[in-house]
Amino acid sequence: MSKTLALISLWRDSGRIKGKEVVLVDGFPLYFYATLAAKDANVFGEIYLLSNRPEVSKMAKLLEVKEFS
């Protein structure tokens, strides 16, 4: 297993466009697709969603990735 980490940052109120990481695309938040792409790449030993948003915890469990808040 690779020791490479994928860190997907979803901090609330960061960046120039507020809430862009949770905008729904076909019914799922944008970070959902970024996380799936990281999983499908099969190059990461672990994938972390970095967030202070409560709704990200549920999605991390659903996608079987780790969460760091």
N, C-alpha and C. Protein backbone atom coordinates (compact mmCIF):
# COMPACT_ATOMS: atom_id res chain seq x y z
N MET A 1 0.84 -1.19 0.00
CA MET A 1 0.00 0.00 0.00
C MET A 1 0.88 1.24 0.00
N SER A 2 0.52 2.21 -0.79
CA SER A 2 1.25 3.47 -0.89
C SER A 2 1.18 4.26 0.41
N LYS A 3 2.24 5.01 0.70
CA LYS A 3 2.25 5.88 1.87
C LYS A 3 1.85 7.30 1.50
N THR A 4 1.42 7.50 0.29
CA THR A 4 1.02 8.81 -0.18
C THR A 4 -0.38 9.16 0.33
N LEU A 5 -0.53 10.38 0.83
CA LEU A 5 -1.82 10.85 1.35
C LEU A 5 -2.49 11.79 0.36
N ALA A 6 -3.80 11.72 0.30
CA ALA A 6 -4.59 12.72 -0.43
C ALA A 6 -5.29 13.56 0.62
N LEU A 7 -5.11 14.87 0.56
CA LEU A 7 -5.73 15.80 1.49
C LEU A 7 -6.69 16.68 0.70
N ILE A 8 -7.97 16.56 0.99
CA ILE A 8 -8.99 17.35 0.29
C ILE A 8 -9.53 18.36 1.30
N SER A 9 -9.19 19.62 1.10
CA SER A 9 -9.51 20.67 2.05
C SER A 9 -10.90 21.25 1.80
N LEU A 10 -11.72 21.29 2.85
CA LEU A 10 -13.10 21.79 2.76
C LEU A 10 -13.42 22.76 3.89
N TRP A 11 -12.48 23.61 4.25
CA TRP A 11 -12.69 24.50 5.39
C TRP A 11 -13.79 25.51 5.09
N ARG A 12 -14.67 25.69 6.04
CA ARG A 12 -15.79 26.63 5.93
C ARG A 12 -15.24 28.05 5.85
N ASP A 13 -15.88 28.85 5.00
CA ASP A 13 -15.55 30.27 4.86
C ASP A 13 -14.13 30.54 4.40
N SER A 14 -13.55 29.65 3.64
CA SER A 14 -12.23 29.91 3.10
C SER A 14 -12.35 30.15 1.60
N GLY A 15 -11.44 30.89 1.06
CA GLY A 15 -11.43 31.12 -0.38
C GLY A 15 -12.26 32.31 -0.81
N ARG A 16 -12.22 32.57 -2.08
CA ARG A 16 -12.89 33.74 -2.63
C ARG A 16 -14.36 33.50 -2.95
N ILE A 17 -14.73 32.27 -3.24
CA ILE A 17 -16.13 31.96 -3.55
C ILE A 17 -16.68 31.14 -2.39
N LYS A 18 -17.53 31.75 -1.60
CA LYS A 18 -18.07 31.10 -0.40
C LYS A 18 -18.88 29.85 -0.75
N GLY A 19 -18.56 28.75 -0.08
CA GLY A 19 -19.35 27.53 -0.21
C GLY A 19 -19.16 26.75 -1.50
N LYS A 20 -18.11 27.08 -2.28
CA LYS A 20 -17.95 26.41 -3.58
C LYS A 20 -17.73 24.91 -3.44
N GLU A 21 -17.11 24.46 -2.35
CA GLU A 21 -16.83 23.04 -2.20
C GLU A 21 -18.07 22.22 -1.88
N VAL A 22 -19.14 22.86 -1.45
CA VAL A 22 -20.36 22.13 -1.13
C VAL A 22 -21.49 22.39 -2.13
N VAL A 23 -21.18 23.06 -3.22
CA VAL A 23 -22.17 23.28 -4.28
C VAL A 23 -22.58 21.92 -4.82
N LEU A 24 -23.88 21.71 -5.01
CA LEU A 24 -24.36 20.43 -5.50
C LEU A 24 -24.22 20.32 -7.01
N VAL A 25 -23.67 19.20 -7.44
CA VAL A 25 -23.55 18.87 -8.86
C VAL A 25 -24.20 17.50 -9.03
N ASP A 26 -25.27 17.44 -9.79
CA ASP A 26 -26.04 16.21 -9.95
C ASP A 26 -26.43 15.58 -8.61
N GLY A 27 -26.75 16.44 -7.65
CA GLY A 27 -27.25 15.97 -6.36
C GLY A 27 -26.19 15.67 -5.31
N PHE A 28 -24.92 15.83 -5.63
CA PHE A 28 -23.85 15.57 -4.67
C PHE A 28 -22.95 16.79 -4.57
N PRO A 29 -22.35 17.01 -3.38
CA PRO A 29 -21.44 18.14 -3.23
C PRO A 29 -20.19 17.95 -4.09
N LEU A 30 -19.61 19.05 -4.53
CA LEU A 30 -18.46 19.01 -5.42
C LEU A 30 -17.32 18.15 -4.87
N TYR A 31 -17.07 18.21 -3.56
CA TYR A 31 -15.97 17.43 -2.99
C TYR A 31 -16.22 15.91 -3.10
N PHE A 32 -17.46 15.49 -3.24
CA PHE A 32 -17.78 14.08 -3.44
C PHE A 32 -17.06 13.54 -4.68
N TYR A 33 -17.10 14.31 -5.75
CA TYR A 33 -16.47 13.89 -7.00
C TYR A 33 -14.94 13.92 -6.91
N ALA A 34 -14.41 14.90 -6.20
CA ALA A 34 -12.96 14.96 -5.99
C ALA A 34 -12.49 13.74 -5.19
N THR A 35 -13.28 13.37 -4.19
CA THR A 35 -12.94 12.21 -3.36
C THR A 35 -13.02 10.91 -4.16
N LEU A 36 -14.06 10.77 -4.96
CA LEU A 36 -14.18 9.57 -5.82
C LEU A 36 -13.00 9.47 -6.79
N ALA A 37 -12.60 10.59 -7.36
CA ALA A 37 -11.46 10.59 -8.29
C ALA A 37 -10.19 10.16 -7.57
N ALA A 38 -9.99 10.63 -6.35
CA ALA A 38 -8.81 10.24 -5.58
C ALA A 38 -8.84 8.74 -5.28
N LYS A 39 -10.02 8.21 -4.93
CA LYS A 39 -10.14 6.78 -4.66
C LYS A 39 -9.90 5.95 -5.93
N ASP A 40 -10.50 6.38 -7.03
CA ASP A 40 -10.37 5.66 -8.31
C ASP A 40 -8.95 5.67 -8.84
N ALA A 41 -8.15 6.66 -8.44
CA ALA A 41 -6.77 6.75 -8.93
C ALA A 41 -5.90 5.60 -8.40
N ASN A 42 -6.28 5.01 -7.28
CA ASN A 42 -5.53 3.90 -6.68
C ASN A 42 -4.05 4.20 -6.47
N VAL A 43 -3.75 5.45 -6.09
CA VAL A 43 -2.35 5.81 -5.81
C VAL A 43 -2.17 6.32 -4.38
N PHE A 44 -3.26 6.45 -3.64
CA PHE A 44 -3.18 7.00 -2.29
C PHE A 44 -3.38 5.93 -1.24
N GLY A 45 -2.51 5.94 -0.25
CA GLY A 45 -2.64 5.00 0.86
C GLY A 45 -3.81 5.38 1.75
N GLU A 46 -4.00 6.69 1.94
CA GLU A 46 -5.10 7.21 2.75
C GLU A 46 -5.62 8.49 2.13
N ILE A 47 -6.91 8.71 2.28
CA ILE A 47 -7.54 9.93 1.79
C ILE A 47 -8.22 10.60 2.98
N TYR A 48 -7.93 11.88 3.18
CA TYR A 48 -8.50 12.65 4.27
C TYR A 48 -9.33 13.80 3.73
N LEU A 49 -10.50 14.00 4.32
CA LEU A 49 -11.29 15.19 4.08
C LEU A 49 -11.00 16.12 5.26
N LEU A 50 -10.43 17.28 4.97
CA LEU A 50 -10.09 18.25 6.01
C LEU A 50 -11.22 19.26 6.08
N SER A 51 -11.95 19.28 7.19
CA SER A 51 -13.14 20.12 7.23
C SER A 51 -13.55 20.50 8.64
N ASN A 52 -14.23 21.64 8.74
CA ASN A 52 -14.90 22.03 9.98
C ASN A 52 -16.40 22.11 9.73
N ARG A 53 -16.87 21.37 8.73
CA ARG A 53 -18.29 21.31 8.39
C ARG A 53 -18.86 19.99 8.93
N PRO A 54 -19.93 20.05 9.73
CA PRO A 54 -20.49 18.83 10.32
C PRO A 54 -20.98 17.82 9.29
N GLU A 55 -21.48 18.28 8.15
CA GLU A 55 -22.03 17.36 7.15
C GLU A 55 -20.95 16.53 6.45
N VAL A 56 -19.71 16.94 6.56
CA VAL A 56 -18.62 16.21 5.90
C VAL A 56 -18.35 14.88 6.61
N SER A 57 -18.59 14.81 7.91
CA SER A 57 -18.38 13.57 8.66
C SER A 57 -19.19 12.42 8.08
N LYS A 58 -20.45 12.67 7.80
CA LYS A 58 -21.31 11.62 7.24
C LYS A 58 -20.82 11.19 5.87
N MET A 59 -20.41 12.14 5.05
CA MET A 59 -19.94 11.81 3.71
C MET A 59 -18.62 11.04 3.77
N ALA A 60 -17.75 11.38 4.71
CA ALA A 60 -16.48 10.66 4.86
C ALA A 60 -16.75 9.19 5.18
N LYS A 61 -17.71 8.94 6.05
CA LYS A 61 -18.06 7.56 6.38
C LYS A 61 -18.65 6.84 5.18
N LEU A 62 -19.53 7.52 4.45
CA LEU A 62 -20.14 6.93 3.26
C LEU A 62 -19.09 6.57 2.22
N LEU A 63 -18.11 7.44 2.04
CA LEU A 63 -17.07 7.23 1.03
C LEU A 63 -15.91 6.38 1.54
N GLU A 64 -15.96 6.02 2.81
CA GLU A 64 -14.92 5.20 3.45
C GLU A 64 -13.55 5.86 3.37
N VAL A 65 -13.51 7.15 3.74
CA VAL A 65 -12.26 7.88 3.85
C VAL A 65 -12.20 8.47 5.24
N LYS A 66 -11.06 9.03 5.61
CA LYS A 66 -10.89 9.59 6.95
C LYS A 66 -11.23 11.08 6.94
N GLU A 67 -11.56 11.57 8.11
CA GLU A 67 -11.88 12.98 8.25
C GLU A 67 -10.98 13.60 9.31
N PHE A 68 -10.55 14.80 9.06
CA PHE A 68 -9.76 15.55 10.01
C PHE A 68 -10.42 16.90 10.19
N SER A 69 -10.77 17.23 11.43
CA SER A 69 -11.41 18.53 11.65
C SER A 69 -10.66 19.34 12.68
